Amino acid sequence: MESRSLRLSYGSALPTELTAKDISICGAANLIAALFEESPAKVYRHLGLAPPTGYCWQCGLEVAEKGTGLCLDCQKAAAFIQVACSYCGALTRRRASAIVLFVSRYGYQHFFCSRHCMGMWAAQNYGFTAHPENRGKRKYDYDMVWQKHLETGFGAIRLGRLLGMKTDTVNKILQAKRKEMKAMHALK
């Protein structure tokens, strides 16, 4: 199969020969329009082609719509950006719009590749690893709540009102102490 070529008589700045493999139909039509000082649309009509409405500003492919100025592949690539995981450092793809929203509206500064990494990072920075002085401490003294229960004979509702605690919390404390007592009696 012979290759058709277009010979140019310009200086050494331009290639001396272009083959059909080197240039697309649209590129050839634009080149012909430039050489003959005609509008590209007129050359397209003369060749029987539909003129493209624009070119992707990133990769140069012709695009059907001028809306974004990007072809579909470049739009998809631009929609996502890579961020580094705050725990393991792995690069992950996230939607650029989501990153902007999380940073501007919610003030996020950390992004993660998985729930596992998020949990490990939170444990390091907020858990007992970061604050070992709180390890083993409870908000309420279980023994004091149990002693008040034994002294007054109140149930969870009345004991919660007396101590200013939530009923659920008092109930859980009493259940835990009963389970502990049952386990101690079973060992004897």
Foldseek 3Di string as FASTA:
>chain_A
DDWDWDADDDDPVDDGIDTPVRADPLRVLVVVCVVVVHDSCVSCVVVVHDHAPAAQPPPGHGDNDPVPSHHPVVVVVQQWDWDAAPQPGDTDIDGPVVVCCCCVPVNDDGDHPDVVSVVVVCCCCPNCVNPVVCPPDDPDDLVVLVVVCVVPVDALVVSCVVVVHDSVVSNVSVVVVVVVVVVVVVVD
